[in-house]
Amino acid sequence: MTKSHDDRDDKAPEFDPGSDISQLVADLNRSKTVIHDEPIVMQGESEGTQVDIAVQWNASYEEAIYCFTNNIRNKDGGTHLTGFRAALVRTVDAFARADWYLKNRTVPLDGDAVGEGLTAILSLRHPDPTFSNQREDELVSSEVESIVERVVAEKLGRFFDEHPSDAREIAEKAVFAVRAREAARKAREMVLRRRPQKFS
């Protein structure tokens, strides 16, 4: 069984990616206020590569993503994480732009905003994976990025279509994160402008 350390609360949950990863995500969020009741499960297969992903947003500001390839923890992520993030941001941003309440914004969503409160497990089955080192900390198989991206875009997009209220909650959290960050940036700029100039 592969063990992964959760640095957020100094607990070390045990993961077996061959089991029900949606339950593992729910367990990780059990002490948190979740944005939607059940984890979203995304599965697909392409070119001999099996993708299994479970995600659930909570009301915190922390992101926790655990990546596996053939049951081995990839603590530095890799191409599966890159594809996951790209599709996640694009899908959430597209929903927000289509929503009358959320589309009135000038700053696009990004990975930081969409990742706030996200708990996710990415489990990949690959016939011949390539890693950055012998410890297999990072997956570098280039074809994986597009495979994961397609699975997430299709499955998450379908979930949003079928569960618009949950999608609204997820997108709203990300939009508010962007707005809060922009407000903080403007406040810092105002303070800097008002700071007395020092003359030599």
N, C-alpha and C. Protein backbone atom coordinates (compact mmCIF):
# COMPACT_ATOMS: atom_id res chain seq x y z
N MET A 1 0.85 -1.19 0.00
CA MET A 1 0.00 0.00 0.00
C MET A 1 0.89 1.24 0.00
N THR A 2 0.54 2.19 -0.83
CA THR A 2 1.32 3.42 -0.93
C THR A 2 0.84 4.43 0.09
N LYS A 3 1.79 5.06 0.79
CA LYS A 3 1.44 6.05 1.79
C LYS A 3 1.78 7.44 1.29
N SER A 4 0.91 8.39 1.60
CA SER A 4 1.14 9.77 1.20
C SER A 4 0.94 10.65 2.42
N HIS A 5 1.86 11.57 2.64
CA HIS A 5 1.76 12.44 3.79
C HIS A 5 0.98 13.71 3.45
N ASP A 6 -0.01 14.00 4.25
CA ASP A 6 -0.82 15.19 4.07
C ASP A 6 -0.24 16.29 4.95
N ASP A 7 0.54 17.22 4.36
CA ASP A 7 1.24 18.23 5.14
C ASP A 7 0.30 19.28 5.73
N ARG A 8 -0.93 19.34 5.26
CA ARG A 8 -1.83 20.39 5.74
C ARG A 8 -2.16 20.23 7.21
N ASP A 9 -2.38 19.02 7.69
CA ASP A 9 -2.77 18.84 9.08
C ASP A 9 -1.94 17.76 9.76
N ASP A 10 -0.77 17.44 9.18
CA ASP A 10 0.18 16.50 9.76
C ASP A 10 -0.42 15.12 9.96
N LYS A 11 -1.37 14.75 9.12
CA LYS A 11 -1.90 13.41 9.12
C LYS A 11 -1.35 12.67 7.92
N ALA A 12 -1.23 11.36 8.02
CA ALA A 12 -0.66 10.58 6.93
C ALA A 12 -1.69 9.55 6.48
N PRO A 13 -2.65 9.93 5.65
CA PRO A 13 -3.65 8.98 5.17
C PRO A 13 -3.02 7.94 4.25
N GLU A 14 -3.54 6.75 4.27
CA GLU A 14 -3.03 5.68 3.41
C GLU A 14 -3.88 5.60 2.15
N PHE A 15 -3.19 5.44 1.02
CA PHE A 15 -3.88 5.37 -0.26
C PHE A 15 -3.61 4.03 -0.93
N ASP A 16 -4.62 3.45 -1.46
CA ASP A 16 -4.50 2.32 -2.36
C ASP A 16 -5.26 2.72 -3.61
N PRO A 17 -4.56 3.27 -4.63
CA PRO A 17 -5.26 3.79 -5.81
C PRO A 17 -6.09 2.75 -6.55
N GLY A 18 -5.89 1.47 -6.25
CA GLY A 18 -6.72 0.45 -6.88
C GLY A 18 -8.09 0.36 -6.26
N SER A 19 -8.29 1.01 -5.14
CA SER A 19 -9.59 0.96 -4.46
C SER A 19 -10.47 2.12 -4.92
N ASP A 20 -11.47 2.42 -4.16
CA ASP A 20 -12.42 3.47 -4.51
C ASP A 20 -11.82 4.83 -4.17
N ILE A 21 -11.25 5.49 -5.17
CA ILE A 21 -10.58 6.76 -4.90
C ILE A 21 -11.57 7.86 -4.54
N SER A 22 -12.82 7.72 -4.97
CA SER A 22 -13.82 8.72 -4.58
C SER A 22 -14.04 8.68 -3.07
N GLN A 23 -14.00 7.49 -2.49
CA GLN A 23 -14.15 7.37 -1.04
C GLN A 23 -12.93 7.95 -0.33
N LEU A 24 -11.75 7.76 -0.93
CA LEU A 24 -10.54 8.33 -0.34
C LEU A 24 -10.61 9.86 -0.31
N VAL A 25 -11.11 10.45 -1.39
CA VAL A 25 -11.26 11.90 -1.44
C VAL A 25 -12.28 12.35 -0.39
N ALA A 26 -13.38 11.63 -0.29
CA ALA A 26 -14.39 11.97 0.72
C ALA A 26 -13.81 11.87 2.12
N ASP A 27 -12.96 10.88 2.36
CA ASP A 27 -12.33 10.73 3.67
C ASP A 27 -11.40 11.90 3.96
N LEU A 28 -10.66 12.36 2.96
CA LEU A 28 -9.76 13.50 3.15
C LEU A 28 -10.54 14.77 3.50
N ASN A 29 -11.77 14.85 3.01
CA ASN A 29 -12.60 16.04 3.25
C ASN A 29 -13.58 15.88 4.41
N ARG A 30 -13.48 14.79 5.13
CA ARG A 30 -14.51 14.50 6.13
C ARG A 30 -14.60 15.55 7.24
N SER A 31 -13.51 16.23 7.52
CA SER A 31 -13.55 17.25 8.58
C SER A 31 -13.75 18.66 8.02
N LYS A 32 -14.05 18.75 6.72
CA LYS A 32 -14.20 20.06 6.08
C LYS A 32 -15.64 20.26 5.59
N THR A 33 -15.98 21.50 5.33
CA THR A 33 -17.27 21.82 4.74
C THR A 33 -17.13 21.72 3.23
N VAL A 34 -17.83 20.77 2.61
CA VAL A 34 -17.67 20.53 1.19
C VAL A 34 -18.63 21.41 0.38
N ILE A 35 -18.20 21.74 -0.84
CA ILE A 35 -18.99 22.58 -1.73
C ILE A 35 -20.08 21.77 -2.43
N HIS A 36 -19.78 20.52 -2.74
CA HIS A 36 -20.77 19.62 -3.34
C HIS A 36 -20.70 18.30 -2.60
N ASP A 37 -21.84 17.62 -2.48
CA ASP A 37 -21.97 16.48 -1.57
C ASP A 37 -21.05 15.31 -1.89
N GLU A 38 -20.97 14.92 -3.15
CA GLU A 38 -20.21 13.73 -3.53
C GLU A 38 -19.02 14.10 -4.40
N PRO A 39 -17.90 13.38 -4.26
CA PRO A 39 -16.77 13.60 -5.17
C PRO A 39 -17.18 13.34 -6.62
N ILE A 40 -16.58 14.09 -7.51
CA ILE A 40 -16.81 13.92 -8.94
C ILE A 40 -15.80 12.91 -9.46
N VAL A 41 -16.29 11.86 -10.11
CA VAL A 41 -15.42 10.79 -10.62
C VAL A 41 -15.29 10.93 -12.13
N MET A 42 -14.06 10.88 -12.62
CA MET A 42 -13.78 10.99 -14.05
C MET A 42 -12.90 9.82 -14.47
N GLN A 43 -13.38 9.02 -15.40
CA GLN A 43 -12.65 7.85 -15.85
C GLN A 43 -12.62 7.80 -17.37
N GLY A 44 -11.54 7.24 -17.90
CA GLY A 44 -11.43 7.09 -19.34
C GLY A 44 -10.20 6.29 -19.70
N GLU A 45 -10.14 5.84 -20.94
CA GLU A 45 -9.00 5.05 -21.41
C GLU A 45 -8.66 5.46 -22.83
N SER A 46 -7.37 5.57 -23.12
CA SER A 46 -6.90 5.91 -24.45
C SER A 46 -5.47 5.41 -24.62
N GLU A 47 -5.19 4.80 -25.75
CA GLU A 47 -3.85 4.32 -26.09
C GLU A 47 -3.28 3.42 -25.01
N GLY A 48 -4.14 2.60 -24.40
CA GLY A 48 -3.70 1.68 -23.37
C GLY A 48 -3.50 2.30 -22.00
N THR A 49 -3.83 3.57 -21.86
CA THR A 49 -3.67 4.27 -20.59
C THR A 49 -5.03 4.48 -19.94
N GLN A 50 -5.17 4.02 -18.71
CA GLN A 50 -6.41 4.15 -17.96
C GLN A 50 -6.30 5.32 -17.00
N VAL A 51 -7.29 6.20 -17.02
CA VAL A 51 -7.30 7.38 -16.17
C VAL A 51 -8.45 7.27 -15.17
N ASP A 52 -8.14 7.42 -13.89
CA ASP A 52 -9.14 7.44 -12.83
C ASP A 52 -8.88 8.65 -11.95
N ILE A 53 -9.87 9.52 -11.86
CA ILE A 53 -9.71 10.77 -11.11
C ILE A 53 -10.95 11.00 -10.25
N ALA A 54 -10.74 11.45 -9.03
CA ALA A 54 -11.84 11.87 -8.17
C ALA A 54 -11.50 13.22 -7.58
N VAL A 55 -12.46 14.15 -7.60
CA VAL A 55 -12.23 15.51 -7.09
C VAL A 55 -13.42 15.95 -6.25
N GLN A 56 -13.11 16.79 -5.28
CA GLN A 56 -14.17 17.42 -4.47
C GLN A 56 -13.63 18.72 -3.90
N TRP A 57 -14.41 19.77 -4.04
CA TRP A 57 -14.03 21.07 -3.49
C TRP A 57 -14.60 21.24 -2.09
N ASN A 58 -13.82 21.89 -1.23
CA ASN A 58 -14.30 22.24 0.09
C ASN A 58 -14.16 23.75 0.31
N ALA A 59 -14.61 24.23 1.44
CA ALA A 59 -14.67 25.67 1.67
C ALA A 59 -13.34 26.27 2.11
N SER A 60 -12.28 25.47 2.20
CA SER A 60 -10.98 25.99 2.64
C SER A 60 -10.28 26.70 1.48
N TYR A 61 -9.07 27.19 1.76
CA TYR A 61 -8.26 27.85 0.74
C TYR A 61 -7.11 26.95 0.29
N GLU A 62 -7.07 25.72 0.78
CA GLU A 62 -5.95 24.83 0.52
C GLU A 62 -6.25 23.89 -0.65
N GLU A 63 -5.20 23.54 -1.37
CA GLU A 63 -5.30 22.56 -2.44
C GLU A 63 -4.52 21.31 -2.05
N ALA A 64 -5.11 20.14 -2.29
CA ALA A 64 -4.44 18.88 -2.01
C ALA A 64 -4.67 17.94 -3.19
N ILE A 65 -3.64 17.72 -4.00
CA ILE A 65 -3.74 16.83 -5.16
C ILE A 65 -2.69 15.73 -5.02
N TYR A 66 -3.12 14.50 -5.14
CA TYR A 66 -2.23 13.35 -5.01
C TYR A 66 -2.21 12.60 -6.34
N CYS A 67 -1.02 12.42 -6.89
CA CYS A 67 -0.86 11.80 -8.21
C CYS A 67 -0.21 10.43 -8.10
N PHE A 68 -0.73 9.48 -8.87
CA PHE A 68 -0.19 8.13 -8.88
C PHE A 68 -0.06 7.63 -10.31
N THR A 69 0.95 6.83 -10.56
CA THR A 69 1.08 6.09 -11.81
C THR A 69 1.38 4.65 -11.47
N ASN A 70 0.52 3.76 -11.90
CA ASN A 70 0.66 2.32 -11.60
C ASN A 70 0.85 2.10 -10.10
N ASN A 71 0.04 2.77 -9.31
CA ASN A 71 0.02 2.68 -7.84
C ASN A 71 1.24 3.28 -7.16
N ILE A 72 2.08 3.99 -7.90
CA ILE A 72 3.27 4.63 -7.33
C ILE A 72 3.00 6.12 -7.19
N ARG A 73 3.25 6.67 -6.01
CA ARG A 73 3.02 8.09 -5.76
C ARG A 73 4.02 8.93 -6.52
N ASN A 74 3.55 9.89 -7.27
CA ASN A 74 4.40 10.87 -7.97
C ASN A 74 4.27 12.18 -7.22
N LYS A 75 5.14 12.39 -6.25
CA LYS A 75 4.97 13.54 -5.35
C LYS A 75 5.19 14.87 -6.04
N ASP A 76 5.91 14.86 -7.19
CA ASP A 76 6.11 16.09 -7.94
C ASP A 76 5.17 16.21 -9.14
N GLY A 77 4.16 15.36 -9.18
CA GLY A 77 3.18 15.44 -10.26
C GLY A 77 3.74 14.96 -11.58
N GLY A 78 3.55 15.79 -12.61
CA GLY A 78 4.03 15.43 -13.94
C GLY A 78 3.02 15.76 -15.01
N THR A 79 3.12 15.05 -16.11
CA THR A 79 2.28 15.36 -17.27
C THR A 79 0.80 15.07 -17.01
N HIS A 80 0.50 14.09 -16.15
CA HIS A 80 -0.91 13.85 -15.82
C HIS A 80 -1.48 15.02 -15.03
N LEU A 81 -0.69 15.60 -14.15
CA LEU A 81 -1.14 16.77 -13.39
C LEU A 81 -1.29 18.00 -14.29
N THR A 82 -0.36 18.16 -15.24
CA THR A 82 -0.43 19.29 -16.17
C THR A 82 -1.71 19.23 -17.00
N GLY A 83 -2.02 18.06 -17.54
CA GLY A 83 -3.25 17.90 -18.32
C GLY A 83 -4.50 18.10 -17.48
N PHE A 84 -4.45 17.61 -16.25
CA PHE A 84 -5.57 17.76 -15.34
C PHE A 84 -5.85 19.23 -15.06
N ARG A 85 -4.81 19.99 -14.71
CA ARG A 85 -4.99 21.41 -14.39
C ARG A 85 -5.51 22.19 -15.59
N ALA A 86 -4.96 21.91 -16.76
CA ALA A 86 -5.36 22.66 -17.95
C ALA A 86 -6.85 22.48 -18.23
N ALA A 87 -7.31 21.23 -18.21
CA ALA A 87 -8.73 20.97 -18.49
C ALA A 87 -9.63 21.49 -17.38
N LEU A 88 -9.16 21.39 -16.14
CA LEU A 88 -9.93 21.86 -15.00
C LEU A 88 -10.20 23.36 -15.11
N VAL A 89 -9.14 24.12 -15.34
CA VAL A 89 -9.28 25.58 -15.43
C VAL A 89 -10.16 25.96 -16.61
N ARG A 90 -9.92 25.33 -17.75
CA ARG A 90 -10.69 25.67 -18.95
C ARG A 90 -12.18 25.37 -18.76
N THR A 91 -12.50 24.24 -18.14
CA THR A 91 -13.89 23.84 -17.98
C THR A 91 -14.62 24.73 -16.97
N VAL A 92 -13.97 25.01 -15.84
CA VAL A 92 -14.59 25.87 -14.84
C VAL A 92 -14.74 27.30 -15.37
N ASP A 93 -13.71 27.77 -16.06
CA ASP A 93 -13.77 29.13 -16.62
C ASP A 93 -14.87 29.24 -17.67
N ALA A 94 -15.03 28.21 -18.50
CA ALA A 94 -16.08 28.23 -19.53
C ALA A 94 -17.46 28.30 -18.90
N PHE A 95 -17.65 27.54 -17.82
CA PHE A 95 -18.95 27.58 -17.14
C PHE A 95 -19.19 28.97 -16.56
N ALA A 96 -18.16 29.53 -15.92
CA ALA A 96 -18.31 30.84 -15.30
C ALA A 96 -18.62 31.91 -16.34
N ARG A 97 -18.01 31.82 -17.51
CA ARG A 97 -18.25 32.81 -18.56
C ARG A 97 -19.67 32.70 -19.12
N ALA A 98 -20.25 31.51 -19.04
CA ALA A 98 -21.60 31.31 -19.56
C ALA A 98 -22.67 31.67 -18.54
N ASP A 99 -22.29 31.84 -17.29
CA ASP A 99 -23.24 32.13 -16.22
C ASP A 99 -23.44 33.64 -16.12
N TRP A 100 -24.66 34.11 -16.15
CA TRP A 100 -24.95 35.55 -16.18
C TRP A 100 -24.40 36.27 -14.96
N TYR A 101 -24.37 35.58 -13.81
CA TYR A 101 -23.92 36.23 -12.59
C TYR A 101 -22.39 36.29 -12.50
N LEU A 102 -21.72 35.29 -13.05
CA LEU A 102 -20.28 35.17 -12.87
C LEU A 102 -19.47 35.72 -14.04
N LYS A 103 -20.09 35.93 -15.19
CA LYS A 103 -19.32 36.29 -16.37
C LYS A 103 -18.86 37.75 -16.36
N ASN A 104 -19.44 38.57 -15.52
CA ASN A 104 -19.09 39.99 -15.48
C ASN A 104 -17.80 40.19 -14.68
N ARG A 105 -16.68 39.88 -15.30
CA ARG A 105 -15.38 40.00 -14.66
C ARG A 105 -14.33 40.25 -15.73
N THR A 106 -13.25 40.85 -15.33
CA THR A 106 -12.20 41.18 -16.30
C THR A 106 -11.01 40.26 -16.19
N VAL A 107 -10.88 39.55 -15.07
CA VAL A 107 -9.72 38.68 -14.84
C VAL A 107 -10.12 37.23 -15.06
N PRO A 108 -9.43 36.51 -15.94
CA PRO A 108 -9.78 35.11 -16.18
C PRO A 108 -9.39 34.23 -15.00
N LEU A 109 -10.03 33.09 -14.89
CA LEU A 109 -9.67 32.14 -13.85
C LEU A 109 -8.32 31.51 -14.18
N ASP A 110 -7.62 31.09 -13.13
CA ASP A 110 -6.35 30.41 -13.32
C ASP A 110 -6.27 29.23 -12.36
N GLY A 111 -5.15 28.52 -12.41
CA GLY A 111 -5.00 27.32 -11.59
C GLY A 111 -5.08 27.58 -10.11
N ASP A 112 -4.56 28.72 -9.67
CA ASP A 112 -4.61 29.04 -8.24
C ASP A 112 -6.04 29.24 -7.77
N ALA A 113 -6.83 29.95 -8.55
CA ALA A 113 -8.22 30.22 -8.16
C ALA A 113 -9.06 28.95 -8.18
N VAL A 114 -8.93 28.18 -9.25
CA VAL A 114 -9.73 26.94 -9.37
C VAL A 114 -9.28 25.91 -8.35
N GLY A 115 -8.01 25.96 -7.96
CA GLY A 115 -7.48 24.99 -7.02
C GLY A 115 -7.80 25.26 -5.56
N GLU A 116 -8.33 26.44 -5.25
CA GLU A 116 -8.65 26.73 -3.86
C GLU A 116 -9.70 25.76 -3.33
N GLY A 117 -9.35 25.06 -2.27
CA GLY A 117 -10.28 24.12 -1.65
C GLY A 117 -10.43 22.80 -2.39
N LEU A 118 -9.58 22.55 -3.36
CA LEU A 118 -9.71 21.32 -4.16
C LEU A 118 -8.95 20.17 -3.52
N THR A 119 -9.62 19.05 -3.38
CA THR A 119 -8.98 17.78 -3.00
C THR A 119 -9.16 16.83 -4.17
N ALA A 120 -8.06 16.24 -4.63
CA ALA A 120 -8.14 15.39 -5.82
C ALA A 120 -7.14 14.25 -5.74
N ILE A 121 -7.52 13.13 -6.33
CA ILE A 121 -6.61 11.99 -6.53
C ILE A 121 -6.61 11.65 -8.00
N LEU A 122 -5.41 11.63 -8.60
CA LEU A 122 -5.23 11.25 -10.00
C LEU A 122 -4.50 9.91 -10.02
N SER A 123 -5.14 8.90 -10.54
CA SER A 123 -4.54 7.58 -10.62
C SER A 123 -4.47 7.15 -12.08
N LEU A 124 -3.27 6.82 -12.51
CA LEU A 124 -3.04 6.48 -13.92
C LEU A 124 -2.50 5.05 -14.02
N ARG A 125 -3.01 4.31 -15.00
CA ARG A 125 -2.45 3.01 -15.35
C ARG A 125 -1.83 3.15 -16.73
N HIS A 126 -0.50 2.99 -16.79
CA HIS A 126 0.22 3.23 -18.04
C HIS A 126 1.09 2.01 -18.36
N PRO A 127 1.07 1.54 -19.62
CA PRO A 127 1.84 0.33 -19.95
C PRO A 127 3.35 0.52 -19.91
N ASP A 128 3.83 1.73 -20.13
CA ASP A 128 5.28 1.96 -20.15
C ASP A 128 5.59 3.40 -19.78
N PRO A 129 5.39 3.77 -18.52
CA PRO A 129 5.58 5.18 -18.12
C PRO A 129 7.05 5.56 -18.06
N THR A 130 7.31 6.87 -18.24
CA THR A 130 8.64 7.43 -18.12
C THR A 130 8.64 8.45 -16.99
N PHE A 131 9.67 8.38 -16.14
CA PHE A 131 9.74 9.26 -14.99
C PHE A 131 11.00 10.10 -15.02
N SER A 132 11.01 11.15 -14.23
CA SER A 132 12.14 12.08 -14.21
C SER A 132 13.35 11.51 -13.48
N ASN A 133 13.13 10.54 -12.58
CA ASN A 133 14.24 9.94 -11.84
C ASN A 133 13.86 8.54 -11.39
N GLN A 134 14.78 7.86 -10.77
CA GLN A 134 14.54 6.48 -10.35
C GLN A 134 13.51 6.38 -9.23
N ARG A 135 13.34 7.45 -8.48
CA ARG A 135 12.33 7.44 -7.42
C ARG A 135 10.92 7.60 -7.97
N GLU A 136 10.82 7.91 -9.26
CA GLU A 136 9.53 8.04 -9.95
C GLU A 136 8.68 9.15 -9.33
N ASP A 137 9.35 10.24 -8.95
CA ASP A 137 8.65 11.36 -8.32
C ASP A 137 7.79 12.14 -9.30
N GLU A 138 8.18 12.16 -10.57
CA GLU A 138 7.47 12.96 -11.57
C GLU A 138 7.30 12.17 -12.86
N LEU A 139 6.07 12.10 -13.35
CA LEU A 139 5.79 11.43 -14.62
C LEU A 139 6.10 12.39 -15.76
N VAL A 140 6.86 11.93 -16.76
CA VAL A 140 7.23 12.80 -17.87
C VAL A 140 6.78 12.24 -19.22
N SER A 141 5.96 11.21 -19.23
CA SER A 141 5.43 10.67 -20.49
C SER A 141 4.58 11.73 -21.17
N SER A 142 5.03 12.22 -22.33
CA SER A 142 4.41 13.39 -22.95
C SER A 142 2.98 13.14 -23.42
N GLU A 143 2.68 11.93 -23.86
CA GLU A 143 1.34 11.65 -24.40
C GLU A 143 0.26 11.68 -23.33
N VAL A 144 0.66 11.54 -22.08
CA VAL A 144 -0.30 11.48 -20.98
C VAL A 144 -1.05 12.79 -20.81
N GLU A 145 -0.38 13.90 -21.04
CA GLU A 145 -1.00 15.21 -20.82
C GLU A 145 -2.30 15.36 -21.61
N SER A 146 -2.26 15.05 -22.89
CA SER A 146 -3.45 15.21 -23.72
C SER A 146 -4.52 14.17 -23.38
N ILE A 147 -4.10 12.97 -22.98
CA ILE A 147 -5.06 11.92 -22.62
C ILE A 147 -5.87 12.36 -21.40
N VAL A 148 -5.16 12.81 -20.36
CA VAL A 148 -5.84 13.26 -19.14
C VAL A 148 -6.69 14.49 -19.42
N GLU A 149 -6.16 15.38 -20.22
CA GLU A 149 -6.89 16.61 -20.54
C GLU A 149 -8.23 16.29 -21.21
N ARG A 150 -8.23 15.35 -22.13
CA ARG A 150 -9.47 14.98 -22.82
C ARG A 150 -10.48 14.36 -21.86
N VAL A 151 -10.00 13.47 -21.00
CA VAL A 151 -10.90 12.80 -20.05
C VAL A 151 -11.55 13.82 -19.12
N VAL A 152 -10.74 14.71 -18.56
CA VAL A 152 -11.27 15.69 -17.61
C VAL A 152 -12.23 16.65 -18.29
N ALA A 153 -11.87 17.13 -19.47
CA ALA A 153 -12.74 18.07 -20.19
C ALA A 153 -14.10 17.44 -20.48
N GLU A 154 -14.09 16.20 -20.92
CA GLU A 154 -15.35 15.52 -21.25
C GLU A 154 -16.18 15.21 -20.01
N LYS A 155 -15.55 14.59 -19.03
CA LYS A 155 -16.30 14.12 -17.86
C LYS A 155 -16.74 15.27 -16.95
N LEU A 156 -15.85 16.22 -16.73
CA LEU A 156 -16.23 17.35 -15.89
C LEU A 156 -17.26 18.22 -16.59
N GLY A 157 -17.09 18.40 -17.89
CA GLY A 157 -18.09 19.16 -18.65
C GLY A 157 -19.46 18.52 -18.57
N ARG A 158 -19.49 17.20 -18.65
CA ARG A 158 -20.78 16.49 -18.55
C ARG A 158 -21.38 16.65 -17.15
N PHE A 159 -20.51 16.56 -16.13
CA PHE A 159 -21.00 16.73 -14.76
C PHE A 159 -21.60 18.13 -14.59
N PHE A 160 -20.94 19.14 -15.11
CA PHE A 160 -21.46 20.50 -15.00
C PHE A 160 -22.80 20.63 -15.71
N ASP A 161 -22.94 19.99 -16.85
CA ASP A 161 -24.22 20.04 -17.58
C ASP A 161 -25.34 19.38 -16.77
N GLU A 162 -25.01 18.29 -16.09
CA GLU A 162 -26.02 17.52 -15.37
C GLU A 162 -26.26 18.03 -13.96
N HIS A 163 -25.31 18.79 -13.42
CA HIS A 163 -25.43 19.30 -12.05
C HIS A 163 -25.10 20.80 -12.03
N PRO A 164 -25.94 21.62 -12.64
CA PRO A 164 -25.62 23.05 -12.77
C PRO A 164 -25.49 23.78 -11.45
N SER A 165 -26.24 23.37 -10.43
CA SER A 165 -26.13 24.07 -9.15
C SER A 165 -24.78 23.80 -8.49
N ASP A 166 -24.29 22.55 -8.57
CA ASP A 166 -22.96 22.24 -8.05
C ASP A 166 -21.89 22.97 -8.86
N ALA A 167 -22.05 23.00 -10.17
CA ALA A 167 -21.10 23.69 -11.03
C ALA A 167 -21.04 25.17 -10.68
N ARG A 168 -22.19 25.75 -10.39
CA ARG A 168 -22.26 27.17 -10.02
C ARG A 168 -21.48 27.43 -8.73
N GLU A 169 -21.64 26.55 -7.76
CA GLU A 169 -20.93 26.70 -6.48
C GLU A 169 -19.41 26.62 -6.70
N ILE A 170 -18.98 25.68 -7.52
CA ILE A 170 -17.55 25.50 -7.79
C ILE A 170 -16.99 26.71 -8.51
N ALA A 171 -17.68 27.14 -9.56
CA ALA A 171 -17.21 28.29 -10.34
C ALA A 171 -17.25 29.57 -9.51
N GLU A 172 -18.27 29.72 -8.70
CA GLU A 172 -18.40 30.92 -7.87
C GLU A 172 -17.24 31.03 -6.89
N LYS A 173 -16.85 29.91 -6.30
CA LYS A 173 -15.71 29.93 -5.37
C LYS A 173 -14.45 30.40 -6.07
N ALA A 174 -14.21 29.90 -7.29
CA ALA A 174 -13.02 30.30 -8.05
C ALA A 174 -13.08 31.77 -8.44
N VAL A 175 -14.23 32.25 -8.87
CA VAL A 175 -14.38 33.66 -9.25
C VAL A 175 -14.15 34.57 -8.05
N PHE A 176 -14.70 34.20 -6.91
CA PHE A 176 -14.48 35.01 -5.71
C PHE A 176 -13.02 35.02 -5.31
N ALA A 177 -12.31 33.91 -5.53
CA ALA A 177 -10.87 33.86 -5.23
C ALA A 177 -10.11 34.85 -6.10
N VAL A 178 -10.48 34.93 -7.38
CA VAL A 178 -9.83 35.89 -8.27
C VAL A 178 -10.15 37.32 -7.85
N ARG A 179 -11.41 37.57 -7.51
CA ARG A 179 -11.80 38.92 -7.09
C ARG A 179 -11.08 39.33 -5.81
N ALA A 180 -10.94 38.42 -4.87
CA ALA A 180 -10.25 38.73 -3.62
C ALA A 180 -8.78 39.03 -3.88
N ARG A 181 -8.18 38.27 -4.77
CA ARG A 181 -6.77 38.49 -5.10
C ARG A 181 -6.57 39.84 -5.78
N GLU A 182 -7.50 40.19 -6.68
CA GLU A 182 -7.42 41.48 -7.35
C GLU A 182 -7.62 42.63 -6.37
N ALA A 183 -8.54 42.47 -5.43
CA ALA A 183 -8.77 43.50 -4.43
C ALA A 183 -7.54 43.70 -3.56
N ALA A 184 -6.89 42.60 -3.21
CA ALA A 184 -5.68 42.68 -2.40
C ALA A 184 -4.55 43.37 -3.17
N ARG A 185 -4.44 43.06 -4.46
CA ARG A 185 -3.41 43.69 -5.28
C ARG A 185 -3.62 45.20 -5.39
N LYS A 186 -4.87 45.60 -5.61
CA LYS A 186 -5.17 47.04 -5.71
C LYS A 186 -4.93 47.75 -4.39
N ALA A 187 -5.23 47.07 -3.29
CA ALA A 187 -4.98 47.67 -1.98
C ALA A 187 -3.49 47.87 -1.75
N ARG A 188 -2.68 46.91 -2.16
CA ARG A 188 -1.23 47.05 -2.02
C ARG A 188 -0.70 48.20 -2.87
N GLU A 189 -1.22 48.29 -4.10
CA GLU A 189 -0.78 49.37 -4.98
C GLU A 189 -1.14 50.74 -4.40
N MET A 190 -2.32 50.83 -3.79
CA MET A 190 -2.74 52.10 -3.20
C MET A 190 -1.83 52.49 -2.04
N VAL A 191 -1.47 51.51 -1.22
CA VAL A 191 -0.57 51.78 -0.10
C VAL A 191 0.78 52.25 -0.60
N LEU A 192 1.28 51.60 -1.66
CA LEU A 192 2.58 51.99 -2.21
C LEU A 192 2.54 53.40 -2.80
N ARG A 193 1.43 53.74 -3.45
CA ARG A 193 1.32 55.08 -4.03
C ARG A 193 1.29 56.17 -2.95
N ARG A 194 0.71 55.83 -1.80
CA ARG A 194 0.57 56.82 -0.73
C ARG A 194 1.81 56.87 0.17
N ARG A 195 2.73 55.93 -0.02
CA ARG A 195 3.91 55.92 0.84
C ARG A 195 4.79 57.13 0.52
N PRO A 196 5.23 57.85 1.53
CA PRO A 196 6.06 59.05 1.29
C PRO A 196 7.34 58.69 0.53
N GLN A 197 7.70 59.51 -0.42
CA GLN A 197 8.94 59.32 -1.17
C GLN A 197 10.12 59.77 -0.32
N LYS A 198 11.19 59.00 -0.41
CA LYS A 198 12.40 59.36 0.33
C LYS A 198 13.34 60.10 -0.61
N PHE A 199 13.81 61.24 -0.15
CA PHE A 199 14.72 62.04 -0.97
C PHE A 199 16.10 62.03 -0.35
N SER A 200 17.10 61.96 -1.18
CA SER A 200 18.47 61.97 -0.69
C SER A 200 18.97 63.41 -0.55
